[in-house]
Amino acid sequence: MTTFLELLINGLSIGSVYALIALGFVVIFKATEVVNFAHASLLLTGGFIAATLSDDIGFWPALLVGIGGAAAVGALVEFLVIRRYRGSDHSVLAIVTIGVDILLLTELTRRIGTDVLALGDPWGDRVVTLGSVTVPQTRIAALVAAALIITLFLLAFTYTSWGVAMRAAAEDRETAALMGVRLGRVSLAAWAVAGALAAVAALFLTVFPTPGLAAATSFAAFKAFPAAIIGGLDSTTGALAGGLIVGVTEALVTGYQDDLSFLGRGIGEVAPYLVMLLVLLARPAGLFGTRELSRV
């Protein structure tokens, strides 16, 4: 039972981090109807900036600069690349984001090389013991931080003018534009917010028990992609649910991998995609996604 509780808490913690990344996918999709495959490079950009500056200016200032840097890169990608293809087929835009991702990841991988960069976080390798359950402080910090950020985002999405504009653009872009919503600003803000969320996620993906930031850290974005699909690409609530489902599934399957050896080694890495496949077979739009109706 102790093992199960530890795995569950760790799964909820890493799942909340996946939810932050998935929320970035959803925000961009709602604003532009584009699946952003450059999200991995935004995540690595924020983490790299924070890790590079942490020794010189301290952890918290470096983290803020990393978040701002990732947001700025996201906004630049939208302004310099995505906006130039506005009006093109969405599949073309998705391919464009793949190209952007390859370019950014190639440069970041060249700079990082084989190094593992520490972010100098204040939690270190300390743990919290609750009865017989032992959990790293970083996992608790990730869960609390993600819950706070997602709550603030949902409040802003519901009650601010930016949130209203984004919801209007997601509902009907042409009508929203006629009503005075500036779609360019909505899209720019969405990419900036997605970059900032990815940078925060990069922090909690690279602290203890992970050794630090490496070039392979960007692969975490591909684990969060099933979370966005499971919840529904046009649902902010679905991003949270999908992230938690993926995190808990990955943690439990990896933790009990010896008992699931008949499924093959490394099943924990594949489990989120299997869950995604099962969900799509039952609900093609995801658990909370909007079903499209067509008159026949």
C-alpha atoms as a PDB file:
ATOM      1  CA  MET A   1       0.000   0.000   0.000  1.00  0.00           C
ATOM      2  CA  THR A   2       2.904   2.350   0.775  1.00  0.00           C
ATOM      3  CA  THR A   3       4.357   1.817  -2.676  1.00  0.00           C
ATOM      4  CA  PHE A   4       0.990   2.500  -4.280  1.00  0.00           C
ATOM      5  CA  LEU A   5       0.545   5.781  -2.375  1.00  0.00           C
ATOM      6  CA  GLU A   6       4.045   6.953  -3.275  1.00  0.00           C
ATOM      7  CA  LEU A   7       3.476   6.126  -6.929  1.00  0.00           C
ATOM      8  CA  LEU A   8       0.078   7.830  -6.862  1.00  0.00           C
ATOM      9  CA  ILE A   9       1.441  11.049  -5.352  1.00  0.00           C
ATOM     10  CA  ASN A  10       4.378  11.084  -7.756  1.00  0.00           C
ATOM     11  CA  GLY A  11       1.988  10.394 -10.625  1.00  0.00           C
ATOM     12  CA  LEU A  12      -0.296  13.269  -9.653  1.00  0.00           C
ATOM     13  CA  SER A  13       2.734  15.536  -9.321  1.00  0.00           C
ATOM     14  CA  ILE A  14       4.273  14.757 -12.696  1.00  0.00           C
ATOM     15  CA  GLY A  15       0.777  14.693 -14.173  1.00  0.00           C
ATOM     16  CA  SER A  16       0.205  18.265 -13.044  1.00  0.00           C
ATOM     17  CA  VAL A  17       3.406  19.236 -14.872  1.00  0.00           C
ATOM     18  CA  TYR A  18       2.195  17.451 -17.986  1.00  0.00           C
ATOM     19  CA  ALA A  19      -1.049  19.398 -17.568  1.00  0.00           C
ATOM     20  CA  LEU A  20       0.895  22.681 -17.811  1.00  0.00           C
ATOM     21  CA  ILE A  21       2.444  21.551 -21.093  1.00  0.00           C
ATOM     22  CA  ALA A  22      -0.875  20.210 -22.388  1.00  0.00           C
ATOM     23  CA  LEU A  23      -2.502  23.528 -21.503  1.00  0.00           C
ATOM     24  CA  GLY A  24      -0.019  25.208 -23.830  1.00  0.00           C
ATOM     25  CA  PHE A  25      -1.110  22.922 -26.664  1.00  0.00           C
ATOM     26  CA  VAL A  26      -4.756  23.738 -25.921  1.00  0.00           C
ATOM     27  CA  VAL A  27      -4.284  27.515 -25.672  1.00  0.00           C
ATOM     28  CA  ILE A  28      -2.604  27.710 -29.067  1.00  0.00           C
ATOM     29  CA  PHE A  29      -5.139  25.377 -30.656  1.00  0.00           C
ATOM     30  CA  LYS A  30      -8.069  27.393 -29.317  1.00  0.00           C
ATOM     31  CA  ALA A  31      -6.552  30.650 -30.537  1.00  0.00           C
ATOM     32  CA  THR A  32      -5.329  29.511 -33.961  1.00  0.00           C
ATOM     33  CA  GLU A  33      -6.702  25.986 -34.542  1.00  0.00           C
ATOM     34  CA  VAL A  34      -3.090  24.884 -35.053  1.00  0.00           C
ATOM     35  CA  VAL A  35      -1.438  21.928 -33.342  1.00  0.00           C
ATOM     36  CA  ASN A  36       1.887  23.345 -32.144  1.00  0.00           C
ATOM     37  CA  PHE A  37       4.619  20.770 -32.633  1.00  0.00           C
ATOM     38  CA  ALA A  38       7.235  23.378 -31.669  1.00  0.00           C
ATOM     39  CA  HIS A  39       6.205  23.123 -28.025  1.00  0.00           C
ATOM     40  CA  ALA A  40       9.179  20.910 -27.144  1.00  0.00           C
ATOM     41  CA  SER A  41      11.619  23.617 -28.211  1.00  0.00           C
ATOM     42  CA  LEU A  42       9.784  26.260 -26.148  1.00  0.00           C
ATOM     43  CA  LEU A  43      10.089  24.005 -23.104  1.00  0.00           C
ATOM     44  CA  LEU A  44      13.805  23.470 -23.650  1.00  0.00           C
ATOM     45  CA  THR A  45      14.349  27.182 -24.316  1.00  0.00           C
ATOM     46  CA  GLY A  46      12.896  28.229 -20.968  1.00  0.00           C
ATOM     47  CA  GLY A  47      14.818  25.583 -19.069  1.00  0.00           C
ATOM     48  CA  PHE A  48      18.082  26.394 -20.839  1.00  0.00           C
ATOM     49  CA  ILE A  49      17.844  30.120 -20.107  1.00  0.00           C
ATOM     50  CA  ALA A  50      17.072  29.485 -16.431  1.00  0.00           C
ATOM     51  CA  ALA A  51      19.862  26.912 -16.046  1.00  0.00           C
ATOM     52  CA  THR A  52      22.421  29.148 -17.769  1.00  0.00           C
ATOM     53  CA  LEU A  53      21.673  32.191 -15.597  1.00  0.00           C
ATOM     54  CA  SER A  54      20.997  30.530 -12.233  1.00  0.00           C
ATOM     55  CA  ASP A  55      24.630  30.645 -11.059  1.00  0.00           C
ATOM     56  CA  ASP A  56      25.037  34.305 -11.972  1.00  0.00           C
ATOM     57  CA  ILE A  57      21.804  35.910 -10.790  1.00  0.00           C
ATOM     58  CA  GLY A  58      20.227  33.287  -8.522  1.00  0.00           C
ATOM     59  CA  PHE A  59      17.468  30.735  -8.962  1.00  0.00           C
ATOM     60  CA  TRP A  60      14.318  32.877  -8.753  1.00  0.00           C
ATOM     61  CA  PRO A  61      15.508  35.721 -11.027  1.00  0.00           C
ATOM     62  CA  ALA A  62      16.835  33.139 -13.503  1.00  0.00           C
ATOM     63  CA  LEU A  63      13.489  31.331 -13.460  1.00  0.00           C
ATOM     64  CA  LEU A  64      11.627  34.578 -14.174  1.00  0.00           C
ATOM     65  CA  VAL A  65      13.995  35.379 -17.039  1.00  0.00           C
ATOM     66  CA  GLY A  66      13.567  31.837 -18.375  1.00  0.00           C
ATOM     67  CA  ILE A  67       9.780  32.158 -18.287  1.00  0.00           C
ATOM     68  CA  GLY A  68       9.958  35.550 -19.983  1.00  0.00           C
ATOM     69  CA  GLY A  69      12.450  34.243 -22.549  1.00  0.00           C
ATOM     70  CA  ALA A  70      10.290  31.268 -23.491  1.00  0.00           C
ATOM     71  CA  ALA A  71       7.248  33.544 -23.753  1.00  0.00           C
ATOM     72  CA  ALA A  72       9.209  35.929 -25.997  1.00  0.00           C
ATOM     73  CA  VAL A  73      10.403  33.099 -28.250  1.00  0.00           C
ATOM     74  CA  GLY A  74       6.847  31.814 -28.534  1.00  0.00           C
ATOM     75  CA  ALA A  75       5.602  35.276 -29.460  1.00  0.00           C
ATOM     76  CA  LEU A  76       8.403  35.683 -32.025  1.00  0.00           C
ATOM     77  CA  VAL A  77       7.561  32.349 -33.638  1.00  0.00           C
ATOM     78  CA  GLU A  78       3.946  33.465 -33.978  1.00  0.00           C
ATOM     79  CA  PHE A  79       4.831  36.921 -35.306  1.00  0.00           C
ATOM     80  CA  LEU A  80       7.652  35.967 -37.674  1.00  0.00           C
ATOM     81  CA  VAL A  81       6.452  32.572 -38.905  1.00  0.00           C
ATOM     82  CA  ILE A  82       2.880  31.573 -38.084  1.00  0.00           C
ATOM     83  CA  ARG A  83       1.358  34.949 -38.929  1.00  0.00           C
ATOM     84  CA  ARG A  84       2.911  34.816 -42.397  1.00  0.00           C
ATOM     85  CA  TYR A  85       0.996  31.613 -43.118  1.00  0.00           C
ATOM     86  CA  ARG A  86      -2.349  32.827 -41.782  1.00  0.00           C
ATOM     87  CA  GLY A  87      -5.136  31.629 -44.004  1.00  0.00           C
ATOM     88  CA  SER A  88      -3.230  28.517 -45.029  1.00  0.00           C
ATOM     89  CA  ASP A  89      -4.491  25.028 -44.382  1.00  0.00           C
ATOM     90  CA  HIS A  90      -4.069  24.004 -40.735  1.00  0.00           C
ATOM     91  CA  SER A  91      -2.092  20.924 -41.720  1.00  0.00           C
ATOM     92  CA  VAL A  92       0.408  23.206 -43.483  1.00  0.00           C
ATOM     93  CA  LEU A  93       0.771  25.289 -40.323  1.00  0.00           C
ATOM     94  CA  ALA A  94       1.324  22.150 -38.252  1.00  0.00           C
ATOM     95  CA  ILE A  95       4.138  21.125 -40.609  1.00  0.00           C
ATOM     96  CA  VAL A  96       5.610  24.628 -40.312  1.00  0.00           C
ATOM     97  CA  THR A  97       5.748  24.239 -36.513  1.00  0.00           C
ATOM     98  CA  ILE A  98       7.633  20.965 -36.982  1.00  0.00           C
ATOM     99  CA  GLY A  99      10.227  22.850 -39.016  1.00  0.00           C
ATOM    100  CA  VAL A 100      10.485  25.549 -36.343  1.00  0.00           C
ATOM    101  CA  ASP A 101      10.898  22.879 -33.680  1.00  0.00           C
ATOM    102  CA  ILE A 102      13.719  21.178 -35.590  1.00  0.00           C
ATOM    103  CA  LEU A 103      15.587  24.467 -36.031  1.00  0.00           C
ATOM    104  CA  LEU A 104      15.282  25.546 -32.389  1.00  0.00           C
ATOM    105  CA  LEU A 105      16.053  22.094 -30.962  1.00  0.00           C
ATOM    106  CA  THR A 106      19.104  21.726 -33.196  1.00  0.00           C
ATOM    107  CA  GLU A 107      20.551  24.998 -31.926  1.00  0.00           C
ATOM    108  CA  LEU A 108      19.703  24.256 -28.289  1.00  0.00           C
ATOM    109  CA  THR A 109      21.117  20.736 -28.532  1.00  0.00           C
ATOM    110  CA  ARG A 110      24.326  22.181 -29.995  1.00  0.00           C
ATOM    111  CA  ARG A 111      24.629  24.565 -27.061  1.00  0.00           C
ATOM    112  CA  ILE A 112      23.807  22.001 -24.372  1.00  0.00           C
ATOM    113  CA  GLY A 113      25.755  19.134 -25.919  1.00  0.00           C
ATOM    114  CA  THR A 114      26.132  16.192 -23.573  1.00  0.00           C
ATOM    115  CA  ASP A 115      26.035  18.360 -20.442  1.00  0.00           C
ATOM    116  CA  VAL A 116      23.417  18.050 -17.712  1.00  0.00           C
ATOM    117  CA  LEU A 117      22.624  21.537 -16.403  1.00  0.00           C
ATOM    118  CA  ALA A 118      21.453  22.144 -12.844  1.00  0.00           C
ATOM    119  CA  LEU A 119      18.883  24.861 -12.200  1.00  0.00           C
ATOM    120  CA  GLY A 120      19.994  25.474  -8.606  1.00  0.00           C
ATOM    121  CA  ASP A 121      16.508  25.009  -7.170  1.00  0.00           C
ATOM    122  CA  PRO A 122      16.001  25.623  -3.429  1.00  0.00           C
ATOM    123  CA  TRP A 123      14.522  22.171  -2.662  1.00  0.00           C
ATOM    124  CA  GLY A 124      17.566  20.049  -3.431  1.00  0.00           C
ATOM    125  CA  ASP A 125      17.139  16.362  -2.626  1.00  0.00           C
ATOM    126  CA  ARG A 126      15.046  16.890   0.505  1.00  0.00           C
ATOM    127  CA  VAL A 127      12.062  14.641   1.072  1.00  0.00           C
ATOM    128  CA  VAL A 128       8.850  14.776   3.080  1.00  0.00           C
ATOM    129  CA  THR A 129       7.809  11.767   5.133  1.00  0.00           C
ATOM    130  CA  LEU A 130       4.114  11.278   5.853  1.00  0.00           C
ATOM    131  CA  GLY A 131       3.763   8.128   7.903  1.00  0.00           C
ATOM    132  CA  SER A 132       5.347   5.426   5.795  1.00  0.00           C
ATOM    133  CA  VAL A 133       5.140   7.448   2.577  1.00  0.00           C
ATOM    134  CA  THR A 134       8.218   9.360   1.412  1.00  0.00           C
ATOM    135  CA  VAL A 135       7.866  12.012  -1.295  1.00  0.00           C
ATOM    136  CA  PRO A 136      10.510  14.455  -2.640  1.00  0.00           C
ATOM    137  CA  GLN A 137       9.791  18.089  -1.808  1.00  0.00           C
ATOM    138  CA  THR A 138      10.131  18.917  -5.492  1.00  0.00           C
ATOM    139  CA  ARG A 139       7.107  16.719  -6.255  1.00  0.00           C
ATOM    140  CA  ILE A 140       4.979  18.537  -3.692  1.00  0.00           C
ATOM    141  CA  ALA A 141       6.204  21.909  -4.980  1.00  0.00           C
ATOM    142  CA  ALA A 142       5.317  20.866  -8.544  1.00  0.00           C
ATOM    143  CA  LEU A 143       1.810  19.846  -7.515  1.00  0.00           C
ATOM    144  CA  VAL A 144       1.171  23.067  -5.579  1.00  0.00           C
ATOM    145  CA  ALA A 145       2.691  25.334  -8.236  1.00  0.00           C
ATOM    146  CA  ALA A 146       0.820  23.661 -11.088  1.00  0.00           C
ATOM    147  CA  ALA A 147      -2.484  23.804  -9.201  1.00  0.00           C
ATOM    148  CA  LEU A 148      -1.986  27.518  -8.493  1.00  0.00           C
ATOM    149  CA  ILE A 149      -0.941  28.389 -12.055  1.00  0.00           C
ATOM    150  CA  ILE A 150      -3.770  26.407 -13.665  1.00  0.00           C
ATOM    151  CA  THR A 151      -6.313  27.993 -11.285  1.00  0.00           C
ATOM    152  CA  LEU A 152      -5.058  31.502 -12.095  1.00  0.00           C
ATOM    153  CA  PHE A 153      -5.112  30.698 -15.794  1.00  0.00           C
ATOM    154  CA  LEU A 154      -8.683  29.407 -15.692  1.00  0.00           C
ATOM    155  CA  LEU A 155      -9.789  32.508 -13.776  1.00  0.00           C
ATOM    156  CA  ALA A 156      -8.080  34.765 -16.305  1.00  0.00           C
ATOM    157  CA  PHE A 157      -9.521  32.735 -19.168  1.00  0.00           C
ATOM    158  CA  THR A 158     -13.013  33.161 -17.731  1.00  0.00           C
ATOM    159  CA  TYR A 159     -13.061  36.732 -16.443  1.00  0.00           C
ATOM    160  CA  THR A 160     -10.471  38.840 -18.302  1.00  0.00           C
ATOM    161  CA  SER A 161     -10.926  40.564 -21.644  1.00  0.00           C
ATOM    162  CA  TRP A 162      -8.128  38.398 -23.089  1.00  0.00           C
ATOM    163  CA  GLY A 163      -9.963  35.266 -22.017  1.00  0.00           C
ATOM    164  CA  VAL A 164     -13.240  36.516 -23.484  1.00  0.00           C
ATOM    165  CA  ALA A 165     -11.476  37.381 -26.746  1.00  0.00           C
ATOM    166  CA  MET A 166      -9.854  33.955 -26.929  1.00  0.00           C
ATOM    167  CA  ARG A 167     -13.123  32.159 -26.247  1.00  0.00           C
ATOM    168  CA  ALA A 168     -14.824  34.261 -28.903  1.00  0.00           C
ATOM    169  CA  ALA A 169     -12.061  33.498 -31.417  1.00  0.00           C
ATOM    170  CA  ALA A 170     -12.263  29.794 -30.606  1.00  0.00           C
ATOM    171  CA  GLU A 171     -16.048  29.791 -31.098  1.00  0.00           C
ATOM    172  CA  ASP A 172     -16.156  31.647 -34.425  1.00  0.00           C
ATOM    173  CA  ARG A 173     -13.094  33.495 -35.729  1.00  0.00           C
ATOM    174  CA  GLU A 174     -14.886  35.400 -38.493  1.00  0.00           C
ATOM    175  CA  THR A 175     -17.653  36.650 -36.217  1.00  0.00           C
ATOM    176  CA  ALA A 176     -15.163  37.549 -33.492  1.00  0.00           C
ATOM    177  CA  ALA A 177     -13.144  39.606 -35.977  1.00  0.00           C
ATOM    178  CA  LEU A 178     -16.290  41.432 -37.119  1.00  0.00           C
ATOM    179  CA  MET A 179     -17.092  42.207 -33.474  1.00  0.00           C
ATOM    180  CA  GLY A 180     -13.721  43.891 -33.008  1.00  0.00           C
ATOM    181  CA  VAL A 181     -11.600  41.054 -31.600  1.00  0.00           C
ATOM    182  CA  ARG A 182      -8.037  41.434 -32.838  1.00  0.00           C
ATOM    183  CA  LEU A 183      -7.148  37.885 -33.790  1.00  0.00           C
ATOM    184  CA  GLY A 184      -3.471  38.726 -34.215  1.00  0.00           C
ATOM    185  CA  ARG A 185      -3.167  39.874 -30.619  1.00  0.00           C
ATOM    186  CA  VAL A 186      -5.082  36.839 -29.377  1.00  0.00           C
ATOM    187  CA  SER A 187      -2.763  34.508 -31.289  1.00  0.00           C
ATOM    188  CA  LEU A 188       0.373  36.342 -30.130  1.00  0.00           C
ATOM    189  CA  ALA A 189      -0.733  36.210 -26.495  1.00  0.00           C
ATOM    190  CA  ALA A 190      -1.582  32.514 -26.801  1.00  0.00           C
ATOM    191  CA  TRP A 191       1.899  31.631 -28.033  1.00  0.00           C
ATOM    192  CA  ALA A 192       3.489  33.740 -25.293  1.00  0.00           C
ATOM    193  CA  VAL A 193       1.367  32.089 -22.585  1.00  0.00           C
ATOM    194  CA  ALA A 194       2.165  28.632 -23.966  1.00  0.00           C
ATOM    195  CA  GLY A 195       5.888  29.419 -23.849  1.00  0.00           C
ATOM    196  CA  ALA A 196       5.656  30.642 -20.253  1.00  0.00           C
ATOM    197  CA  LEU A 197       3.767  27.505 -19.167  1.00  0.00           C
ATOM    198  CA  ALA A 198       6.339  25.314 -20.898  1.00  0.00           C
ATOM    199  CA  ALA A 199       9.183  27.085 -19.061  1.00  0.00           C
ATOM    200  CA  VAL A 200       7.561  26.437 -15.674  1.00  0.00           C
ATOM    201  CA  ALA A 201       7.082  22.804 -16.643  1.00  0.00           C
ATOM    202  CA  ALA A 202      10.754  22.580 -17.638  1.00  0.00           C
ATOM    203  CA  LEU A 203      11.730  23.520 -14.082  1.00  0.00           C
ATOM    204  CA  PHE A 204       9.866  20.653 -12.452  1.00  0.00           C
ATOM    205  CA  LEU A 205      10.956  18.191 -15.115  1.00  0.00           C
ATOM    206  CA  THR A 206      14.630  18.849 -14.357  1.00  0.00           C
ATOM    207  CA  VAL A 207      14.795  19.028 -10.548  1.00  0.00           C
ATOM    208  CA  PHE A 208      15.299  16.107  -8.144  1.00  0.00           C
ATOM    209  CA  PRO A 209      14.967  13.166  -8.659  1.00  0.00           C
ATOM    210  CA  THR A 210      15.914  14.083 -12.235  1.00  0.00           C
ATOM    211  CA  PRO A 211      19.641  14.933 -12.498  1.00  0.00           C
ATOM    212  CA  GLY A 212      19.065  18.165 -14.427  1.00  0.00           C
ATOM    213  CA  LEU A 213      18.368  19.725 -17.815  1.00  0.00           C
ATOM    214  CA  ALA A 214      19.616  17.773 -20.817  1.00  0.00           C
ATOM    215  CA  ALA A 215      18.897  17.911 -24.516  1.00  0.00           C
ATOM    216  CA  ALA A 216      16.504  14.978 -24.065  1.00  0.00           C
ATOM    217  CA  THR A 217      14.340  16.999 -21.659  1.00  0.00           C
ATOM    218  CA  SER A 218      12.356  18.227 -24.645  1.00  0.00           C
ATOM    219  CA  PHE A 219      10.896  14.730 -25.100  1.00  0.00           C
ATOM    220  CA  ALA A 220       8.620  15.443 -22.121  1.00  0.00           C
ATOM    221  CA  ALA A 221       6.493  17.564 -24.448  1.00  0.00           C
ATOM    222  CA  PHE A 222       5.722  14.449 -26.460  1.00  0.00           C
ATOM    223  CA  LYS A 223       4.464  12.775 -23.271  1.00  0.00           C
ATOM    224  CA  ALA A 224       2.191  15.736 -22.653  1.00  0.00           C
ATOM    225  CA  PHE A 225       0.767  15.575 -26.161  1.00  0.00           C
ATOM    226  CA  PRO A 226      -1.323  12.464 -25.317  1.00  0.00           C
ATOM    227  CA  ALA A 227      -2.601  14.392 -22.280  1.00  0.00           C
ATOM    228  CA  ALA A 228      -3.922  17.161 -24.551  1.00  0.00           C
ATOM    229  CA  ILE A 229      -5.490  14.633 -26.909  1.00  0.00           C
ATOM    230  CA  ILE A 230      -7.066  12.601 -24.092  1.00  0.00           C
ATOM    231  CA  GLY A 231      -8.656  15.668 -22.521  1.00  0.00           C
ATOM    232  CA  GLY A 232      -9.599  17.275 -25.833  1.00  0.00           C
ATOM    233  CA  LEU A 233      -7.495  19.741 -27.804  1.00  0.00           C
ATOM    234  CA  ASP A 234     -10.073  22.500 -27.402  1.00  0.00           C
ATOM    235  CA  SER A 235     -10.693  22.027 -23.655  1.00  0.00           C
ATOM    236  CA  THR A 236      -8.697  23.759 -20.929  1.00  0.00           C
ATOM    237  CA  THR A 237     -10.325  21.547 -18.300  1.00  0.00           C
ATOM    238  CA  GLY A 238      -9.456  18.538 -20.421  1.00  0.00           C
ATOM    239  CA  ALA A 239      -5.761  19.504 -20.351  1.00  0.00           C
ATOM    240  CA  LEU A 240      -5.780  19.204 -16.563  1.00  0.00           C
ATOM    241  CA  ALA A 241      -7.654  15.891 -16.593  1.00  0.00           C
ATOM    242  CA  GLY A 242      -5.502  14.487 -19.392  1.00  0.00           C
ATOM    243  CA  GLY A 243      -2.276  15.483 -17.654  1.00  0.00           C
ATOM    244  CA  LEU A 244      -3.276  13.776 -14.419  1.00  0.00           C
ATOM    245  CA  ILE A 245      -4.407  10.646 -16.264  1.00  0.00           C
ATOM    246  CA  VAL A 246      -1.115  10.405 -18.159  1.00  0.00           C
ATOM    247  CA  GLY A 247       1.001  11.108 -15.059  1.00  0.00           C
ATOM    248  CA  VAL A 248      -0.745   8.558 -12.850  1.00  0.00           C
ATOM    249  CA  THR A 249      -0.788   5.937 -15.623  1.00  0.00           C
ATOM    250  CA  GLU A 250       2.920   6.370 -16.325  1.00  0.00           C
ATOM    251  CA  ALA A 251       3.866   6.276 -12.641  1.00  0.00           C
ATOM    252  CA  LEU A 252       1.793   3.204 -11.778  1.00  0.00           C
ATOM    253  CA  VAL A 253       2.749   1.180 -14.836  1.00  0.00           C
ATOM    254  CA  THR A 254       6.443   2.028 -14.395  1.00  0.00           C
ATOM    255  CA  GLY A 255       6.300   1.278 -10.660  1.00  0.00           C
ATOM    256  CA  TYR A 256       4.669  -2.113 -11.184  1.00  0.00           C
ATOM    257  CA  GLN A 257       6.642  -2.913 -14.312  1.00  0.00           C
ATOM    258  CA  ASP A 258       8.008  -6.174 -12.867  1.00  0.00           C
ATOM    259  CA  ASP A 259       4.455  -7.432 -12.394  1.00  0.00           C
ATOM    260  CA  LEU A 260       3.638  -6.405 -15.973  1.00  0.00           C
ATOM    261  CA  SER A 261       6.719  -7.951 -17.538  1.00  0.00           C
ATOM    262  CA  PHE A 262       4.518 -10.004 -19.881  1.00  0.00           C
ATOM    263  CA  LEU A 263       3.725  -6.723 -21.662  1.00  0.00           C
ATOM    264  CA  GLY A 264       7.413  -6.105 -22.365  1.00  0.00           C
ATOM    265  CA  ARG A 265      10.081  -3.832 -20.933  1.00  0.00           C
ATOM    266  CA  GLY A 266       9.545  -0.089 -21.026  1.00  0.00           C
ATOM    267  CA  ILE A 267       5.766  -0.393 -21.005  1.00  0.00           C
ATOM    268  CA  GLY A 268       5.601   2.710 -18.783  1.00  0.00           C
ATOM    269  CA  GLU A 269       6.835   4.870 -21.667  1.00  0.00           C
ATOM    270  CA  VAL A 270       4.183   3.494 -24.011  1.00  0.00           C
ATOM    271  CA  ALA A 271       1.250   3.382 -21.562  1.00  0.00           C
ATOM    272  CA  PRO A 272       0.114   7.031 -22.080  1.00  0.00           C
ATOM    273  CA  TYR A 273      -0.167   6.432 -25.817  1.00  0.00           C
ATOM    274  CA  LEU A 274      -2.152   3.247 -25.250  1.00  0.00           C
ATOM    275  CA  VAL A 275      -4.561   5.186 -23.024  1.00  0.00           C
ATOM    276  CA  MET A 276      -4.806   7.866 -25.712  1.00  0.00           C
ATOM    277  CA  LEU A 277      -5.657   5.239 -28.311  1.00  0.00           C
ATOM    278  CA  LEU A 278      -8.378   3.726 -26.128  1.00  0.00           C
ATOM    279  CA  VAL A 279      -9.904   7.140 -25.413  1.00  0.00           C
ATOM    280  CA  LEU A 280      -9.901   8.102 -29.088  1.00  0.00           C
ATOM    281  CA  LEU A 281     -11.623   4.860 -30.009  1.00  0.00           C
ATOM    282  CA  ALA A 282     -14.432   5.694 -27.573  1.00  0.00           C
ATOM    283  CA  ARG A 283     -14.465   9.505 -27.921  1.00  0.00           C
ATOM    284  CA  PRO A 284     -12.628  10.845 -31.001  1.00  0.00           C
ATOM    285  CA  ALA A 285     -12.821  14.424 -29.673  1.00  0.00           C
ATOM    286  CA  GLY A 286     -11.312  13.481 -26.292  1.00  0.00           C
ATOM    287  CA  LEU A 287     -12.961  13.281 -22.890  1.00  0.00           C
ATOM    288  CA  PHE A 288     -13.896  16.969 -22.775  1.00  0.00           C
ATOM    289  CA  GLY A 289     -13.458  17.965 -26.406  1.00  0.00           C
ATOM    290  CA  THR A 290     -16.230  19.500 -28.472  1.00  0.00           C
ATOM    291  CA  ARG A 291     -17.923  17.077 -30.799  1.00  0.00           C
ATOM    292  CA  GLU A 292     -18.437  18.456 -34.293  1.00  0.00           C
ATOM    293  CA  LEU A 293     -21.917  17.919 -35.693  1.00  0.00           C
ATOM    294  CA  SER A 294     -22.664  17.946 -39.392  1.00  0.00           C
ATOM    295  CA  ARG A 295     -26.012  17.970 -41.166  1.00  0.00           C
ATOM    296  CA  VAL A 296     -26.494  15.127 -43.648  1.00  0.00           C
END
